[in-house]
Amino acid sequence: QDAISVTKTGGHLIAVGNVEKMAEFNLQQFVASELTFRGSYASSGEFRDCIELVASGKINVEPLISDVLPLEDGPRAFDRLLKAEENLLKIVLEP
């Protein structure tokens, strides 16, 4: 709903990945704003370019990392993400 509220009239909303099975939003506001919604579950190969940008230091991802945990804490990390813990953006799992 927040995305609908801040997107300009005629704008596009894109959902990437698959976190929630259901979403509630104001359909009237969506239609009246003439928005377009598109879903994407996979990438089109841009990960290699992204990794190169991060590795070269051209993009600083540190502000996006909320926590760093050992790999064995993966299930707990995903639980935190699914619960939408406040101020939690990304969790890095280290082997």
PDB file of N, CA and C in Angstrom:
ATOM      1  N   GLN A   1       0.832  -1.190   0.000  1.00  0.00           N
ATOM      2  CA  GLN A   1       0.000   0.000   0.000  1.00  0.00           C
ATOM      3  C   GLN A   1       0.876   1.253   0.000  1.00  0.00           C
ATOM      4  N   ASP A   2       1.989   1.211   0.731  1.00  0.00           N
ATOM      5  CA  ASP A   2       2.883   2.371   0.752  1.00  0.00           C
ATOM      6  C   ASP A   2       3.407   2.686  -0.645  1.00  0.00           C
ATOM      7  N   ALA A   3       3.764   1.647  -1.396  1.00  0.00           N
ATOM      8  CA  ALA A   3       4.284   1.859  -2.750  1.00  0.00           C
ATOM      9  C   ALA A   3       3.242   2.532  -3.634  1.00  0.00           C
ATOM     10  N   ILE A   4       1.996   2.124  -3.503  1.00  0.00           N
ATOM     11  CA  ILE A   4       0.920   2.734  -4.292  1.00  0.00           C
ATOM     12  C   ILE A   4       0.784   4.212  -3.935  1.00  0.00           C
ATOM     13  N   SER A   5       0.885   4.519  -2.659  1.00  0.00           N
ATOM     14  CA  SER A   5       0.709   5.900  -2.196  1.00  0.00           C
ATOM     15  C   SER A   5       1.793   6.843  -2.698  1.00  0.00           C
ATOM     16  N   VAL A   6       3.005   6.345  -2.903  1.00  0.00           N
ATOM     17  CA  VAL A   6       4.111   7.229  -3.281  1.00  0.00           C
ATOM     18  C   VAL A   6       4.454   7.185  -4.767  1.00  0.00           C
ATOM     19  N   THR A   7       3.792   6.323  -5.525  1.00  0.00           N
ATOM     20  CA  THR A   7       4.070   6.225  -6.958  1.00  0.00           C
ATOM     21  C   THR A   7       3.237   7.253  -7.715  1.00  0.00           C
ATOM     22  N   LYS A   8       3.891   7.973  -8.628  1.00  0.00           N
ATOM     23  CA  LYS A   8       3.182   9.020  -9.376  1.00  0.00           C
ATOM     24  C   LYS A   8       2.121   8.416 -10.288  1.00  0.00           C
ATOM     25  N   THR A   9       1.151   9.222 -10.636  1.00  0.00           N
ATOM     26  CA  THR A   9       0.087   8.791 -11.537  1.00  0.00           C
ATOM     27  C   THR A   9       0.699   8.272 -12.838  1.00  0.00           C
ATOM     28  N   GLY A  10       0.240   7.107 -13.258  1.00  0.00           N
ATOM     29  CA  GLY A  10       0.759   6.486 -14.472  1.00  0.00           C
ATOM     30  C   GLY A  10       2.065   5.744 -14.261  1.00  0.00           C
ATOM     31  N   GLY A  11       2.514   5.651 -13.007  1.00  0.00           N
ATOM     32  CA  GLY A  11       3.789   5.012 -12.703  1.00  0.00           C
ATOM     33  C   GLY A  11       3.720   3.493 -12.705  1.00  0.00           C
ATOM     34  N   HIS A  12       4.866   2.888 -12.456  1.00  0.00           N
ATOM     35  CA  HIS A  12       4.995   1.433 -12.483  1.00  0.00           C
ATOM     36  C   HIS A  12       5.473   0.921 -11.129  1.00  0.00           C
ATOM     37  N   LEU A  13       4.854  -0.140 -10.659  1.00  0.00           N
ATOM     38  CA  LEU A  13       5.273  -0.831  -9.439  1.00  0.00           C
ATOM     39  C   LEU A  13       5.818  -2.191  -9.851  1.00  0.00           C
ATOM     40  N   ILE A  14       6.960  -2.568  -9.292  1.00  0.00           N
ATOM     41  CA  ILE A  14       7.554  -3.859  -9.626  1.00  0.00           C
ATOM     42  C   ILE A  14       7.849  -4.604  -8.339  1.00  0.00           C
ATOM     43  N   ALA A  15       7.332  -5.822  -8.237  1.00  0.00           N
ATOM     44  CA  ALA A  15       7.611  -6.692  -7.093  1.00  0.00           C
ATOM     45  C   ALA A  15       8.652  -7.710  -7.541  1.00  0.00           C
ATOM     46  N   VAL A  16       9.776  -7.737  -6.829  1.00  0.00           N
ATOM     47  CA  VAL A  16      10.858  -8.654  -7.172  1.00  0.00           C
ATOM     48  C   VAL A  16      10.973  -9.691  -6.071  1.00  0.00           C
ATOM     49  N   GLY A  17      10.998 -10.949  -6.446  1.00  0.00           N
ATOM     50  CA  GLY A  17      11.120 -12.023  -5.469  1.00  0.00           C
ATOM     51  C   GLY A  17       9.763 -12.512  -5.023  1.00  0.00           C
ATOM     52  N   ASN A  18       9.773 -13.238  -3.919  1.00  0.00           N
ATOM     53  CA  ASN A  18       8.534 -13.847  -3.443  1.00  0.00           C
ATOM     54  C   ASN A  18       8.596 -13.929  -1.930  1.00  0.00           C
ATOM     55  N   VAL A  19       8.035 -12.941  -1.252  1.00  0.00           N
ATOM     56  CA  VAL A  19       8.066 -12.930   0.205  1.00  0.00           C
ATOM     57  C   VAL A  19       6.695 -13.250   0.787  1.00  0.00           C
ATOM     58  N   GLU A  20       5.704 -12.505   0.419  1.00  0.00           N
ATOM     59  CA  GLU A  20       4.351 -12.686   0.945  1.00  0.00           C
ATOM     60  C   GLU A  20       3.459 -13.351  -0.095  1.00  0.00           C
ATOM     61  N   LYS A  21       2.602 -14.253   0.356  1.00  0.00           N
ATOM     62  CA  LYS A  21       1.665 -14.898  -0.567  1.00  0.00           C
ATOM     63  C   LYS A  21       0.499 -13.984  -0.907  1.00  0.00           C
ATOM     64  N   MET A  22       0.089 -13.161   0.029  1.00  0.00           N
ATOM     65  CA  MET A  22      -1.070 -12.286  -0.165  1.00  0.00           C
ATOM     66  C   MET A  22      -0.689 -10.853   0.203  1.00  0.00           C
ATOM     67  N   ALA A  23      -1.344  -9.908  -0.465  1.00  0.00           N
ATOM     68  CA  ALA A  23      -1.128  -8.500  -0.151  1.00  0.00           C
ATOM     69  C   ALA A  23      -2.465  -7.774  -0.215  1.00  0.00           C
ATOM     70  N   GLU A  24      -2.706  -6.900   0.751  1.00  0.00           N
ATOM     71  CA  GLU A  24      -3.914  -6.079   0.751  1.00  0.00           C
ATOM     72  C   GLU A  24      -3.536  -4.668   0.335  1.00  0.00           C
ATOM     73  N   PHE A  25      -4.332  -4.105  -0.567  1.00  0.00           N
ATOM     74  CA  PHE A  25      -4.095  -2.727  -0.975  1.00  0.00           C
ATOM     75  C   PHE A  25      -5.406  -2.113  -1.447  1.00  0.00           C
ATOM     76  N   ASN A  26      -5.402  -0.798  -1.552  1.00  0.00           N
ATOM     77  CA  ASN A  26      -6.580  -0.050  -1.961  1.00  0.00           C
ATOM     78  C   ASN A  26      -6.690  -0.099  -3.483  1.00  0.00           C
ATOM     79  N   LEU A  27      -7.568  -0.961  -3.984  1.00  0.00           N
ATOM     80  CA  LEU A  27      -7.720  -1.140  -5.428  1.00  0.00           C
ATOM     81  C   LEU A  27      -8.196   0.142  -6.104  1.00  0.00           C
ATOM     82  N   GLN A  28      -9.080   0.881  -5.458  1.00  0.00           N
ATOM     83  CA  GLN A  28      -9.575   2.132  -6.044  1.00  0.00           C
ATOM     84  C   GLN A  28      -8.429   3.118  -6.255  1.00  0.00           C
ATOM     85  N   GLN A  29      -7.549   3.259  -5.269  1.00  0.00           N
ATOM     86  CA  GLN A  29      -6.409   4.164  -5.398  1.00  0.00           C
ATOM     87  C   GLN A  29      -5.482   3.692  -6.514  1.00  0.00           C
ATOM     88  N   PHE A  30      -5.267   2.385  -6.605  1.00  0.00           N
ATOM     89  CA  PHE A  30      -4.413   1.805  -7.641  1.00  0.00           C
ATOM     90  C   PHE A  30      -4.970   2.119  -9.031  1.00  0.00           C
ATOM     91  N   VAL A  31      -6.265   1.877  -9.230  1.00  0.00           N
ATOM     92  CA  VAL A  31      -6.909   2.100 -10.528  1.00  0.00           C
ATOM     93  C   VAL A  31      -6.958   3.589 -10.861  1.00  0.00           C
ATOM     94  N   ALA A  32      -7.365   4.414  -9.898  1.00  0.00           N
ATOM     95  CA  ALA A  32      -7.483   5.852 -10.136  1.00  0.00           C
ATOM     96  C   ALA A  32      -6.132   6.486 -10.472  1.00  0.00           C
ATOM     97  N   SER A  33      -5.062   5.908  -9.955  1.00  0.00           N
ATOM     98  CA  SER A  33      -3.720   6.429 -10.230  1.00  0.00           C
ATOM     99  C   SER A  33      -3.146   5.890 -11.535  1.00  0.00           C
ATOM    100  N   GLU A  34      -3.905   5.000 -12.195  1.00  0.00           N
ATOM    101  CA  GLU A  34      -3.490   4.426 -13.478  1.00  0.00           C
ATOM    102  C   GLU A  34      -2.104   3.790 -13.391  1.00  0.00           C
ATOM    103  N   LEU A  35      -1.906   2.991 -12.345  1.00  0.00           N
ATOM    104  CA  LEU A  35      -0.617   2.351 -12.123  1.00  0.00           C
ATOM    105  C   LEU A  35      -0.518   1.030 -12.879  1.00  0.00           C
ATOM    106  N   THR A  36       0.715   0.635 -13.148  1.00  0.00           N
ATOM    107  CA  THR A  36       1.000  -0.660 -13.762  1.00  0.00           C
ATOM    108  C   THR A  36       1.776  -1.487 -12.752  1.00  0.00           C
ATOM    109  N   PHE A  37       1.384  -2.738 -12.591  1.00  0.00           N
ATOM    110  CA  PHE A  37       2.062  -3.630 -11.642  1.00  0.00           C
ATOM    111  C   PHE A  37       2.691  -4.778 -12.413  1.00  0.00           C
ATOM    112  N   ARG A  38       3.945  -5.071 -12.105  1.00  0.00           N
ATOM    113  CA  ARG A  38       4.645  -6.175 -12.755  1.00  0.00           C
ATOM    114  C   ARG A  38       5.391  -6.968 -11.690  1.00  0.00           C
ATOM    115  N   GLY A  39       5.337  -8.270 -11.800  1.00  0.00           N
ATOM    116  CA  GLY A  39       6.062  -9.145 -10.891  1.00  0.00           C
ATOM    117  C   GLY A  39       7.248  -9.780 -11.587  1.00  0.00           C
ATOM    118  N   SER A  40       8.310 -10.024 -10.833  1.00  0.00           N
ATOM    119  CA  SER A  40       9.498 -10.671 -11.383  1.00  0.00           C
ATOM    120  C   SER A  40      10.047 -11.627 -10.341  1.00  0.00           C
ATOM    121  N   TYR A  41      10.194 -12.872 -10.721  1.00  0.00           N
ATOM    122  CA  TYR A  41      10.690 -13.882  -9.786  1.00  0.00           C
ATOM    123  C   TYR A  41      12.156 -14.226 -10.028  1.00  0.00           C
ATOM    124  N   ALA A  42      12.642 -13.981 -11.217  1.00  0.00           N
ATOM    125  CA  ALA A  42      14.019 -14.342 -11.559  1.00  0.00           C
ATOM    126  C   ALA A  42      14.738 -13.129 -12.138  1.00  0.00           C
ATOM    127  N   SER A  43      16.035 -13.252 -12.283  1.00  0.00           N
ATOM    128  CA  SER A  43      16.820 -12.161 -12.854  1.00  0.00           C
ATOM    129  C   SER A  43      17.088 -12.448 -14.328  1.00  0.00           C
ATOM    130  N   SER A  44      17.515 -11.441 -15.017  1.00  0.00           N
ATOM    131  CA  SER A  44      17.860 -11.615 -16.428  1.00  0.00           C
ATOM    132  C   SER A  44      19.364 -11.539 -16.630  1.00  0.00           C
ATOM    133  N   GLY A  45      20.119 -11.941 -15.623  1.00  0.00           N
ATOM    134  CA  GLY A  45      21.565 -12.008 -15.771  1.00  0.00           C
ATOM    135  C   GLY A  45      22.323 -10.790 -15.287  1.00  0.00           C
ATOM    136  N   GLU A  46      21.657  -9.875 -14.595  1.00  0.00           N
ATOM    137  CA  GLU A  46      22.360  -8.668 -14.160  1.00  0.00           C
ATOM    138  C   GLU A  46      23.196  -8.872 -12.898  1.00  0.00           C
ATOM    139  N   PHE A  47      23.119 -10.056 -12.285  1.00  0.00           N
ATOM    140  CA  PHE A  47      23.873 -10.287 -11.055  1.00  0.00           C
ATOM    141  C   PHE A  47      25.378 -10.148 -11.271  1.00  0.00           C
ATOM    142  N   ARG A  48      25.889 -10.613 -12.399  1.00  0.00           N
ATOM    143  CA  ARG A  48      27.331 -10.505 -12.662  1.00  0.00           C
ATOM    144  C   ARG A  48      27.758  -9.039 -12.645  1.00  0.00           C
ATOM    145  N   ASP A  49      26.990  -8.176 -13.317  1.00  0.00           N
ATOM    146  CA  ASP A  49      27.310  -6.743 -13.333  1.00  0.00           C
ATOM    147  C   ASP A  49      27.236  -6.151 -11.932  1.00  0.00           C
ATOM    148  N   CYS A  50      26.229  -6.545 -11.165  1.00  0.00           N
ATOM    149  CA  CYS A  50      26.077  -6.039  -9.799  1.00  0.00           C
ATOM    150  C   CYS A  50      27.259  -6.448  -8.927  1.00  0.00           C
ATOM    151  N   ILE A  51      27.659  -7.697  -9.025  1.00  0.00           N
ATOM    152  CA  ILE A  51      28.796  -8.185  -8.233  1.00  0.00           C
ATOM    153  C   ILE A  51      30.053  -7.409  -8.586  1.00  0.00           C
ATOM    154  N   GLU A  52      30.269  -7.145  -9.859  1.00  0.00           N
ATOM    155  CA  GLU A  52      31.445  -6.377 -10.280  1.00  0.00           C
ATOM    156  C   GLU A  52      31.404  -4.953  -9.727  1.00  0.00           C
ATOM    157  N   LEU A  53      30.238  -4.323  -9.723  1.00  0.00           N
ATOM    158  CA  LEU A  53      30.115  -2.963  -9.191  1.00  0.00           C
ATOM    159  C   LEU A  53      30.397  -2.919  -7.695  1.00  0.00           C
ATOM    160  N   VAL A  54      29.902  -3.908  -6.966  1.00  0.00           N
ATOM    161  CA  VAL A  54      30.151  -3.966  -5.522  1.00  0.00           C
ATOM    162  C   VAL A  54      31.622  -4.274  -5.261  1.00  0.00           C
ATOM    163  N   ALA A  55      32.174  -5.259  -5.970  1.00  0.00           N
ATOM    164  CA  ALA A  55      33.575  -5.657  -5.768  1.00  0.00           C
ATOM    165  C   ALA A  55      34.539  -4.518  -6.087  1.00  0.00           C
ATOM    166  N   SER A  56      34.209  -3.694  -7.069  1.00  0.00           N
ATOM    167  CA  SER A  56      35.089  -2.590  -7.459  1.00  0.00           C
ATOM    168  C   SER A  56      34.976  -1.394  -6.514  1.00  0.00           C
ATOM    169  N   GLY A  57      33.980  -1.421  -5.631  1.00  0.00           N
ATOM    170  CA  GLY A  57      33.784  -0.305  -4.715  1.00  0.00           C
ATOM    171  C   GLY A  57      32.949   0.824  -5.294  1.00  0.00           C
ATOM    172  N   LYS A  58      32.442   0.655  -6.511  1.00  0.00           N
ATOM    173  CA  LYS A  58      31.614   1.697  -7.127  1.00  0.00           C
ATOM    174  C   LYS A  58      30.257   1.817  -6.442  1.00  0.00           C
ATOM    175  N   ILE A  59      29.818   0.724  -5.826  1.00  0.00           N
ATOM    176  CA  ILE A  59      28.573   0.741  -5.061  1.00  0.00           C
ATOM    177  C   ILE A  59      28.882   0.252  -3.655  1.00  0.00           C
ATOM    178  N   ASN A  60      28.522   1.049  -2.653  1.00  0.00           N
ATOM    179  CA  ASN A  60      28.732   0.692  -1.254  1.00  0.00           C
ATOM    180  C   ASN A  60      27.447   0.090  -0.700  1.00  0.00           C
ATOM    181  N   VAL A  61      27.487  -1.196  -0.376  1.00  0.00           N
ATOM    182  CA  VAL A  61      26.288  -1.866   0.130  1.00  0.00           C
ATOM    183  C   VAL A  61      26.244  -1.922   1.656  1.00  0.00           C
ATOM    184  N   GLU A  62      27.277  -1.444   2.313  1.00  0.00           N
ATOM    185  CA  GLU A  62      27.330  -1.512   3.779  1.00  0.00           C
ATOM    186  C   GLU A  62      26.080  -0.935   4.458  1.00  0.00           C
ATOM    187  N   PRO A  63      25.554   0.213   3.998  1.00  0.00           N
ATOM    188  CA  PRO A  63      24.358   0.758   4.665  1.00  0.00           C
ATOM    189  C   PRO A  63      23.123  -0.140   4.539  1.00  0.00           C
ATOM    190  N   LEU A  64      23.146  -1.081   3.613  1.00  0.00           N
ATOM    191  CA  LEU A  64      22.006  -1.975   3.416  1.00  0.00           C
ATOM    192  C   LEU A  64      22.065  -3.213   4.299  1.00  0.00           C
ATOM    193  N   ILE A  65      23.229  -3.491   4.872  1.00  0.00           N
ATOM    194  CA  ILE A  65      23.417  -4.712   5.661  1.00  0.00           C
ATOM    195  C   ILE A  65      23.050  -4.437   7.113  1.00  0.00           C
ATOM    196  N   SER A  66      21.995  -5.100   7.567  1.00  0.00           N
ATOM    197  CA  SER A  66      21.516  -4.910   8.935  1.00  0.00           C
ATOM    198  C   SER A  66      22.192  -5.842   9.923  1.00  0.00           C
ATOM    199  N   ASP A  67      22.639  -7.010   9.453  1.00  0.00           N
ATOM    200  CA  ASP A  67      23.232  -7.992  10.361  1.00  0.00           C
ATOM    201  C   ASP A  67      24.091  -8.959   9.564  1.00  0.00           C
ATOM    202  N   VAL A  68      25.096  -9.515  10.214  1.00  0.00           N
ATOM    203  CA  VAL A  68      25.944 -10.561   9.640  1.00  0.00           C
ATOM    204  C   VAL A  68      25.899 -11.734  10.600  1.00  0.00           C
ATOM    205  N   LEU A  69      25.504 -12.905  10.090  1.00  0.00           N
ATOM    206  CA  LEU A  69      25.325 -14.089  10.926  1.00  0.00           C
ATOM    207  C   LEU A  69      26.038 -15.283  10.314  1.00  0.00           C
ATOM    208  N   PRO A  70      26.367 -16.281  11.141  1.00  0.00           N
ATOM    209  CA  PRO A  70      26.941 -17.508  10.583  1.00  0.00           C
ATOM    210  C   PRO A  70      25.894 -18.259   9.754  1.00  0.00           C
ATOM    211  N   LEU A  71      26.357 -19.004   8.770  1.00  0.00           N
ATOM    212  CA  LEU A  71      25.471 -19.716   7.852  1.00  0.00           C
ATOM    213  C   LEU A  71      24.460 -20.597   8.571  1.00  0.00           C
ATOM    214  N   GLU A  72      24.869 -21.214   9.666  1.00  0.00           N
ATOM    215  CA  GLU A  72      23.953 -22.106  10.389  1.00  0.00           C
ATOM    216  C   GLU A  72      22.769 -21.359  11.012  1.00  0.00           C
ATOM    217  N   ASP A  73      22.857 -20.031  11.098  1.00  0.00           N
ATOM    218  CA  ASP A  73      21.738 -19.229  11.600  1.00  0.00           C
ATOM    219  C   ASP A  73      20.792 -18.800  10.475  1.00  0.00           C
ATOM    220  N   GLY A  74      20.957 -19.392   9.290  1.00  0.00           N
ATOM    221  CA  GLY A  74      20.121 -19.050   8.143  1.00  0.00           C
ATOM    222  C   GLY A  74      18.629 -19.123   8.417  1.00  0.00           C
ATOM    223  N   PRO A  75      18.133 -20.235   9.008  1.00  0.00           N
ATOM    224  CA  PRO A  75      16.690 -20.299   9.275  1.00  0.00           C
ATOM    225  C   PRO A  75      16.199 -19.158  10.170  1.00  0.00           C
ATOM    226  N   ARG A  76      16.979 -18.812  11.185  1.00  0.00           N
ATOM    227  CA  ARG A  76      16.594 -17.710  12.075  1.00  0.00           C
ATOM    228  C   ARG A  76      16.607 -16.380  11.315  1.00  0.00           C
ATOM    229  N   ALA A  77      17.591 -16.213  10.425  1.00  0.00           N
ATOM    230  CA  ALA A  77      17.671 -14.982   9.638  1.00  0.00           C
ATOM    231  C   ALA A  77      16.441 -14.831   8.743  1.00  0.00           C
ATOM    232  N   PHE A  78      16.034 -15.922   8.097  1.00  0.00           N
ATOM    233  CA  PHE A  78      14.857 -15.849   7.228  1.00  0.00           C
ATOM    234  C   PHE A  78      13.586 -15.599   8.031  1.00  0.00           C
ATOM    235  N   ASP A  79      13.508 -16.150   9.228  1.00  0.00           N
ATOM    236  CA  ASP A  79      12.359 -15.865  10.096  1.00  0.00           C
ATOM    237  C   ASP A  79      12.275 -14.370  10.396  1.00  0.00           C
ATOM    238  N   ARG A  80      13.419 -13.768  10.692  1.00  0.00           N
ATOM    239  CA  ARG A  80      13.445 -12.333  10.980  1.00  0.00           C
ATOM    240  C   ARG A  80      12.997 -11.520   9.765  1.00  0.00           C
ATOM    241  N   LEU A  81      13.454 -11.910   8.584  1.00  0.00           N
ATOM    242  CA  LEU A  81      13.068 -11.201   7.366  1.00  0.00           C
ATOM    243  C   LEU A  81      11.576 -11.353   7.085  1.00  0.00           C
ATOM    244  N   LEU A  82      11.052 -12.555   7.266  1.00  0.00           N
ATOM    245  CA  LEU A  82       9.627 -12.794   7.018  1.00  0.00           C
ATOM    246  C   LEU A  82       8.734 -12.049   7.997  1.00  0.00           C
ATOM    247  N   LYS A  83       9.231 -11.842   9.211  1.00  0.00           N
ATOM    248  CA  LYS A  83       8.457 -11.110  10.216  1.00  0.00           C
ATOM    249  C   LYS A  83       8.573  -9.601  10.023  1.00  0.00           C
ATOM    250  N   ALA A  84       9.349  -9.190   9.026  1.00  0.00           N
ATOM    251  CA  ALA A  84       9.541  -7.762   8.729  1.00  0.00           C
ATOM    252  C   ALA A  84       9.992  -6.994   9.968  1.00  0.00           C
ATOM    253  N   GLU A  85      11.008  -7.532  10.619  1.00  0.00           N
ATOM    254  CA  GLU A  85      11.573  -6.888  11.805  1.00  0.00           C
ATOM    255  C   GLU A  85      11.940  -5.439  11.478  1.00  0.00           C
ATOM    256  N   GLU A  86      11.604  -4.541  12.385  1.00  0.00           N
ATOM    257  CA  GLU A  86      11.830  -3.114  12.153  1.00  0.00           C
ATOM    258  C   GLU A  86      13.302  -2.820  11.873  1.00  0.00           C
ATOM    259  N   ASN A  87      13.549  -1.975  10.883  1.00  0.00           N
ATOM    260  CA  ASN A  87      14.889  -1.535  10.478  1.00  0.00           C
ATOM    261  C   ASN A  87      15.774  -2.663   9.952  1.00  0.00           C
ATOM    262  N   LEU A  88      15.190  -3.763   9.545  1.00  0.00           N
ATOM    263  CA  LEU A  88      15.959  -4.886   9.010  1.00  0.00           C
ATOM    264  C   LEU A  88      15.869  -4.859   7.490  1.00  0.00           C
ATOM    265  N   LEU A  89      17.012  -4.656   6.827  1.00  0.00           N
ATOM    266  CA  LEU A  89      17.020  -4.627   5.365  1.00  0.00           C
ATOM    267  C   LEU A  89      17.571  -5.932   4.799  1.00  0.00           C
ATOM    268  N   LYS A  90      18.856  -6.181   5.046  1.00  0.00           N
ATOM    269  CA  LYS A  90      19.511  -7.377   4.511  1.00  0.00           C
ATOM    270  C   LYS A  90      20.349  -8.029   5.600  1.00  0.00           C
ATOM    271  N   ILE A  91      20.418  -9.356   5.528  1.00  0.00           N
ATOM    272  CA  ILE A  91      21.264 -10.126   6.437  1.00  0.00           C
ATOM    273  C   ILE A  91      22.261 -10.902   5.589  1.00  0.00           C
ATOM    274  N   VAL A  92      23.527 -10.793   5.929  1.00  0.00           N
ATOM    275  CA  VAL A  92      24.573 -11.547   5.243  1.00  0.00           C
ATOM    276  C   VAL A  92      24.846 -12.808   6.052  1.00  0.00           C
ATOM    277  N   LEU A  93      24.867 -13.951   5.361  1.00  0.00           N
ATOM    278  CA  LEU A  93      25.212 -15.224   6.002  1.00  0.00           C
ATOM    279  C   LEU A  93      26.624 -15.597   5.583  1.00  0.00           C
ATOM    280  N   GLU A  94      27.486 -15.815   6.581  1.00  0.00           N
ATOM    281  CA  GLU A  94      28.888 -16.161   6.306  1.00  0.00           C
ATOM    282  C   GLU A  94      29.137 -17.631   6.598  1.00  0.00           C
ATOM    283  N   PRO A  95      29.862 -18.314   5.708  1.00  0.00           N
ATOM    284  CA  PRO A  95      30.186 -19.735   5.961  1.00  0.00           C
ATOM    285  C   PRO A  95      31.134 -19.899   7.133  1.00  0.00           C
TER     286      PRO A  95
END
